[in-house]
Amino acid sequence: MIVAIEPFTTIGDGWVVHGSPPKPLIFSLRSTKKKNEDLKPIENHYGQLPFALRWLRKDKISLSFKKLKEFEKQRLIHSFPPLKEQSVAVVAQAEHTILVTSNGSKVTTRA
């Protein structure tokens, strides 16, 4: 069994606003047969796990936000816009994925 634990926290009132979302900062590769050489470093480094735009710079992968949006239009990647909180407070999210087997458990999101 695989369990994902994803707590969200905010210093605001906790109400999420629907409407036009802010600029996405998290992306992931889509499972597709179409290949693109520009996406090879992302595929090699993150696979299909979500990655943050800021991680690309840290990992020396040179793809701009504009280029990522082009890939999204081509359905090569998927974006995740940040949550927008009613009081405009910051919303933070963390995640751990845990693999539970008959022999115990393992947190798979730890380096």
N, C-alpha and C. Protein backbone atom coordinates (compact mmCIF):
# COMPACT_ATOMS: atom_id res chain seq x y z
N MET A 1 0.85 -1.16 0.00
CA MET A 1 0.00 0.00 0.00
C MET A 1 0.90 1.23 0.00
N ILE A 2 0.47 2.27 -0.70
CA ILE A 2 1.19 3.53 -0.72
C ILE A 2 0.29 4.61 -0.13
N VAL A 3 0.85 5.37 0.81
CA VAL A 3 0.09 6.42 1.49
C VAL A 3 0.79 7.75 1.25
N ALA A 4 0.04 8.76 0.81
CA ALA A 4 0.58 10.11 0.65
C ALA A 4 0.02 10.98 1.76
N ILE A 5 0.91 11.65 2.47
CA ILE A 5 0.51 12.57 3.54
C ILE A 5 0.87 13.97 3.06
N GLU A 6 -0.14 14.84 2.93
CA GLU A 6 0.07 16.17 2.37
C GLU A 6 -0.58 17.24 3.24
N PRO A 7 0.07 17.64 4.31
CA PRO A 7 -0.51 18.71 5.13
C PRO A 7 -0.33 20.09 4.48
N PHE A 8 -1.31 20.94 4.66
CA PHE A 8 -1.26 22.33 4.20
C PHE A 8 -1.37 23.22 5.43
N THR A 9 -0.65 24.33 5.42
CA THR A 9 -0.74 25.26 6.54
C THR A 9 -0.73 26.69 6.01
N THR A 10 -1.35 27.58 6.77
CA THR A 10 -1.39 28.99 6.42
C THR A 10 -1.54 29.81 7.69
N ILE A 11 -1.09 31.06 7.63
CA ILE A 11 -1.32 31.96 8.76
C ILE A 11 -2.61 32.76 8.53
N GLY A 12 -3.28 32.47 7.42
CA GLY A 12 -4.55 33.14 7.09
C GLY A 12 -5.72 32.42 7.73
N ASP A 13 -6.91 32.61 7.14
CA ASP A 13 -8.11 32.01 7.72
C ASP A 13 -8.39 30.61 7.18
N GLY A 14 -7.61 30.15 6.20
CA GLY A 14 -7.74 28.78 5.72
C GLY A 14 -8.73 28.55 4.61
N TRP A 15 -9.34 29.59 4.10
CA TRP A 15 -10.31 29.44 3.02
C TRP A 15 -9.63 29.60 1.67
N VAL A 16 -9.72 28.58 0.83
CA VAL A 16 -9.13 28.63 -0.50
C VAL A 16 -10.08 29.34 -1.45
N VAL A 17 -9.53 30.23 -2.27
CA VAL A 17 -10.32 31.01 -3.21
C VAL A 17 -10.24 30.36 -4.58
N HIS A 18 -11.38 30.22 -5.22
CA HIS A 18 -11.41 29.71 -6.60
C HIS A 18 -11.40 30.90 -7.54
N GLY A 19 -10.89 30.72 -8.69
CA GLY A 19 -10.79 31.80 -9.66
C GLY A 19 -9.49 31.69 -10.40
N SER A 20 -9.01 32.80 -10.89
CA SER A 20 -7.77 32.73 -11.66
C SER A 20 -6.60 32.43 -10.73
N PRO A 21 -5.93 31.31 -10.96
CA PRO A 21 -4.84 30.90 -10.06
C PRO A 21 -3.57 31.71 -10.32
N PRO A 22 -2.73 31.82 -9.30
CA PRO A 22 -1.44 32.48 -9.50
C PRO A 22 -0.55 31.68 -10.46
N LYS A 23 0.54 32.27 -10.85
CA LYS A 23 1.51 31.64 -11.76
C LYS A 23 2.00 30.32 -11.17
N PRO A 24 1.93 29.22 -11.94
CA PRO A 24 2.39 27.93 -11.41
C PRO A 24 3.89 27.90 -11.19
N LEU A 25 4.30 27.23 -10.14
CA LEU A 25 5.72 27.10 -9.81
C LEU A 25 6.14 25.64 -9.71
N ILE A 26 5.17 24.73 -9.73
CA ILE A 26 5.44 23.29 -9.65
C ILE A 26 4.98 22.65 -10.95
N PHE A 27 5.81 21.74 -11.47
CA PHE A 27 5.53 21.07 -12.74
C PHE A 27 5.86 19.59 -12.60
N SER A 28 5.35 18.79 -13.53
CA SER A 28 5.79 17.39 -13.64
C SER A 28 5.66 16.95 -15.09
N LEU A 29 6.49 15.99 -15.47
CA LEU A 29 6.41 15.43 -16.82
C LEU A 29 5.15 14.60 -16.94
N ARG A 30 4.52 14.66 -18.08
CA ARG A 30 3.39 13.78 -18.37
C ARG A 30 3.93 12.48 -18.94
N SER A 31 3.19 11.43 -18.75
CA SER A 31 3.54 10.16 -19.37
C SER A 31 3.12 10.26 -20.83
N THR A 32 4.08 10.29 -21.71
CA THR A 32 3.77 10.47 -23.12
C THR A 32 4.81 9.75 -23.96
N LYS A 33 4.41 9.36 -25.14
CA LYS A 33 5.34 8.72 -26.06
C LYS A 33 6.16 9.79 -26.81
N LYS A 34 5.62 11.03 -26.86
CA LYS A 34 6.36 12.12 -27.51
C LYS A 34 7.57 12.45 -26.66
N LYS A 35 8.72 12.56 -27.27
CA LYS A 35 9.95 12.88 -26.55
C LYS A 35 10.45 14.24 -27.00
N ASN A 36 11.13 14.92 -26.12
CA ASN A 36 11.72 16.21 -26.43
C ASN A 36 13.07 16.26 -25.74
N GLU A 37 14.11 16.49 -26.52
CA GLU A 37 15.48 16.50 -25.97
C GLU A 37 15.67 17.55 -24.88
N ASP A 38 14.94 18.68 -24.97
CA ASP A 38 15.05 19.72 -23.95
C ASP A 38 14.55 19.24 -22.59
N LEU A 39 13.68 18.23 -22.60
CA LEU A 39 13.12 17.71 -21.34
C LEU A 39 13.94 16.55 -20.77
N LYS A 40 14.95 16.09 -21.50
CA LYS A 40 15.78 14.96 -21.06
C LYS A 40 16.39 15.18 -19.68
N PRO A 41 16.97 16.39 -19.39
CA PRO A 41 17.54 16.60 -18.05
C PRO A 41 16.51 16.49 -16.94
N ILE A 42 15.28 16.94 -17.20
CA ILE A 42 14.21 16.83 -16.20
C ILE A 42 13.84 15.37 -16.01
N GLU A 43 13.69 14.65 -17.12
CA GLU A 43 13.35 13.23 -17.05
C GLU A 43 14.42 12.45 -16.28
N ASN A 44 15.68 12.76 -16.54
CA ASN A 44 16.78 12.06 -15.87
C ASN A 44 16.87 12.41 -14.39
N HIS A 45 16.57 13.66 -14.05
CA HIS A 45 16.75 14.11 -12.67
C HIS A 45 15.53 13.86 -11.79
N TYR A 46 14.33 14.08 -12.32
CA TYR A 46 13.11 13.99 -11.50
C TYR A 46 12.16 12.87 -11.93
N GLY A 47 12.36 12.31 -13.12
CA GLY A 47 11.39 11.33 -13.62
C GLY A 47 10.05 12.02 -13.78
N GLN A 48 8.98 11.38 -13.31
CA GLN A 48 7.65 11.99 -13.39
C GLN A 48 7.22 12.60 -12.06
N LEU A 49 8.15 12.72 -11.11
CA LEU A 49 7.84 13.36 -9.84
C LEU A 49 7.73 14.87 -10.04
N PRO A 50 6.88 15.53 -9.28
CA PRO A 50 6.79 16.99 -9.40
C PRO A 50 8.11 17.65 -9.03
N PHE A 51 8.38 18.80 -9.67
CA PHE A 51 9.58 19.57 -9.38
C PHE A 51 9.22 21.05 -9.37
N ALA A 52 9.96 21.80 -8.59
CA ALA A 52 9.73 23.25 -8.48
C ALA A 52 10.59 23.97 -9.51
N LEU A 53 10.07 25.06 -10.01
CA LEU A 53 10.80 25.88 -10.98
C LEU A 53 12.17 26.28 -10.41
N ARG A 54 12.22 26.63 -9.14
CA ARG A 54 13.49 27.07 -8.54
C ARG A 54 14.52 25.94 -8.46
N TRP A 55 14.06 24.69 -8.43
CA TRP A 55 14.99 23.55 -8.37
C TRP A 55 15.80 23.44 -9.66
N LEU A 56 15.20 23.85 -10.78
CA LEU A 56 15.91 23.74 -12.06
C LEU A 56 17.21 24.54 -12.02
N ARG A 57 17.14 25.75 -11.48
CA ARG A 57 18.35 26.58 -11.38
C ARG A 57 19.37 25.91 -10.47
N LYS A 58 18.90 25.43 -9.31
CA LYS A 58 19.78 24.78 -8.34
C LYS A 58 20.45 23.55 -8.96
N ASP A 59 19.71 22.80 -9.76
CA ASP A 59 20.22 21.57 -10.38
C ASP A 59 20.86 21.84 -11.75
N LYS A 60 21.07 23.11 -12.06
CA LYS A 60 21.74 23.54 -13.30
C LYS A 60 21.04 23.02 -14.57
N ILE A 61 19.69 23.04 -14.54
CA ILE A 61 18.88 22.68 -15.71
C ILE A 61 18.33 24.00 -16.24
N SER A 62 18.75 24.38 -17.43
CA SER A 62 18.38 25.71 -17.95
C SER A 62 17.13 25.65 -18.83
N LEU A 63 15.98 25.75 -18.18
CA LEU A 63 14.71 25.88 -18.88
C LEU A 63 13.96 27.04 -18.26
N SER A 64 13.46 27.94 -19.08
CA SER A 64 12.75 29.12 -18.58
C SER A 64 11.29 28.78 -18.30
N PHE A 65 10.64 29.65 -17.54
CA PHE A 65 9.21 29.51 -17.28
C PHE A 65 8.45 29.53 -18.61
N LYS A 66 8.86 30.42 -19.50
CA LYS A 66 8.21 30.52 -20.82
C LYS A 66 8.30 29.19 -21.58
N LYS A 67 9.46 28.55 -21.53
CA LYS A 67 9.65 27.27 -22.22
C LYS A 67 8.79 26.18 -21.57
N LEU A 68 8.71 26.20 -20.24
CA LEU A 68 7.87 25.22 -19.54
C LEU A 68 6.40 25.39 -19.94
N LYS A 69 5.94 26.63 -20.08
CA LYS A 69 4.56 26.88 -20.50
C LYS A 69 4.33 26.38 -21.92
N GLU A 70 5.34 26.50 -22.80
CA GLU A 70 5.22 25.95 -24.16
C GLU A 70 5.06 24.43 -24.10
N PHE A 71 5.87 23.79 -23.24
CA PHE A 71 5.77 22.34 -23.10
C PHE A 71 4.40 21.94 -22.55
N GLU A 72 3.84 22.78 -21.69
CA GLU A 72 2.51 22.49 -21.15
C GLU A 72 1.47 22.56 -22.26
N LYS A 73 1.57 23.55 -23.14
CA LYS A 73 0.64 23.65 -24.27
C LYS A 73 0.75 22.43 -25.19
N GLN A 74 1.96 21.87 -25.28
CA GLN A 74 2.17 20.66 -26.09
C GLN A 74 1.80 19.39 -25.33
N ARG A 75 1.32 19.55 -24.11
CA ARG A 75 0.90 18.44 -23.23
C ARG A 75 2.07 17.51 -22.89
N LEU A 76 3.28 18.09 -22.78
CA LEU A 76 4.46 17.31 -22.38
C LEU A 76 4.68 17.39 -20.88
N ILE A 77 4.23 18.48 -20.28
CA ILE A 77 4.32 18.63 -18.83
C ILE A 77 2.98 19.11 -18.29
N HIS A 78 2.84 19.01 -16.97
CA HIS A 78 1.63 19.46 -16.29
C HIS A 78 2.06 20.46 -15.22
N SER A 79 1.29 21.53 -15.04
CA SER A 79 1.63 22.51 -14.01
C SER A 79 0.63 22.45 -12.86
N PHE A 80 1.09 22.85 -11.70
CA PHE A 80 0.28 22.88 -10.49
C PHE A 80 0.31 24.30 -9.94
N PRO A 81 -0.75 25.08 -10.11
CA PRO A 81 -0.73 26.45 -9.59
C PRO A 81 -0.79 26.43 -8.06
N PRO A 82 -0.20 27.45 -7.43
CA PRO A 82 -0.27 27.52 -5.97
C PRO A 82 -1.71 27.74 -5.51
N LEU A 83 -2.00 27.31 -4.29
CA LEU A 83 -3.31 27.60 -3.72
C LEU A 83 -3.40 29.08 -3.40
N LYS A 84 -4.55 29.65 -3.62
CA LYS A 84 -4.79 31.06 -3.34
C LYS A 84 -5.71 31.14 -2.13
N GLU A 85 -5.22 31.74 -1.06
CA GLU A 85 -5.95 31.82 0.19
C GLU A 85 -6.73 33.13 0.26
N GLN A 86 -7.94 33.08 0.82
CA GLN A 86 -8.86 34.21 0.83
C GLN A 86 -8.24 35.48 1.41
N SER A 87 -7.49 35.37 2.48
CA SER A 87 -6.90 36.56 3.11
C SER A 87 -5.56 36.92 2.47
N VAL A 88 -5.21 36.26 1.37
CA VAL A 88 -3.98 36.47 0.62
C VAL A 88 -2.74 36.07 1.43
N ALA A 89 -2.93 35.26 2.45
CA ALA A 89 -1.81 34.74 3.22
C ALA A 89 -1.13 33.63 2.43
N VAL A 90 0.12 33.38 2.75
CA VAL A 90 0.88 32.32 2.09
C VAL A 90 0.33 30.96 2.53
N VAL A 91 0.26 30.02 1.59
CA VAL A 91 -0.12 28.64 1.89
C VAL A 91 1.09 27.77 1.62
N ALA A 92 1.47 26.96 2.59
CA ALA A 92 2.60 26.05 2.42
C ALA A 92 2.09 24.62 2.45
N GLN A 93 2.78 23.76 1.70
CA GLN A 93 2.39 22.36 1.62
C GLN A 93 3.64 21.52 1.69
N ALA A 94 3.56 20.42 2.37
CA ALA A 94 4.66 19.46 2.42
C ALA A 94 4.09 18.10 2.05
N GLU A 95 4.96 17.17 1.75
CA GLU A 95 4.46 15.85 1.36
C GLU A 95 5.48 14.79 1.70
N HIS A 96 4.95 13.69 2.15
CA HIS A 96 5.75 12.47 2.26
C HIS A 96 4.91 11.34 1.70
N THR A 97 5.55 10.47 0.95
CA THR A 97 4.89 9.27 0.45
C THR A 97 5.52 8.09 1.17
N ILE A 98 4.67 7.24 1.68
CA ILE A 98 5.15 6.11 2.49
C ILE A 98 4.70 4.80 1.84
N LEU A 99 5.65 3.91 1.64
CA LEU A 99 5.37 2.58 1.13
C LEU A 99 5.23 1.66 2.33
N VAL A 100 4.07 1.02 2.45
CA VAL A 100 3.79 0.12 3.57
C VAL A 100 3.74 -1.30 3.03
N THR A 101 4.59 -2.17 3.56
CA THR A 101 4.63 -3.58 3.14
C THR A 101 4.43 -4.46 4.36
N SER A 102 4.37 -5.75 4.15
CA SER A 102 4.23 -6.68 5.28
C SER A 102 5.48 -6.70 6.15
N ASN A 103 6.60 -6.18 5.62
CA ASN A 103 7.86 -6.15 6.37
C ASN A 103 8.12 -4.81 7.05
N GLY A 104 7.22 -3.86 6.93
CA GLY A 104 7.43 -2.55 7.53
C GLY A 104 7.05 -1.44 6.59
N SER A 105 7.67 -0.28 6.78
CA SER A 105 7.33 0.87 5.94
C SER A 105 8.60 1.64 5.59
N LYS A 106 8.49 2.44 4.51
CA LYS A 106 9.61 3.25 4.08
C LYS A 106 9.09 4.56 3.52
N VAL A 107 9.65 5.68 3.97
CA VAL A 107 9.32 6.99 3.42
C VAL A 107 10.11 7.12 2.11
N THR A 108 9.39 7.23 1.00
CA THR A 108 10.05 7.24 -0.32
C THR A 108 10.43 8.65 -0.76
N THR A 109 9.95 9.65 -0.07
CA THR A 109 10.23 11.03 -0.48
C THR A 109 11.43 11.61 0.25
N ARG A 110 12.15 10.81 0.99
CA ARG A 110 13.36 11.27 1.67
C ARG A 110 14.57 10.94 0.82
N ALA A 111 15.53 11.85 0.79
CA ALA A 111 16.74 11.62 0.01
C ALA A 111 17.62 10.56 0.65
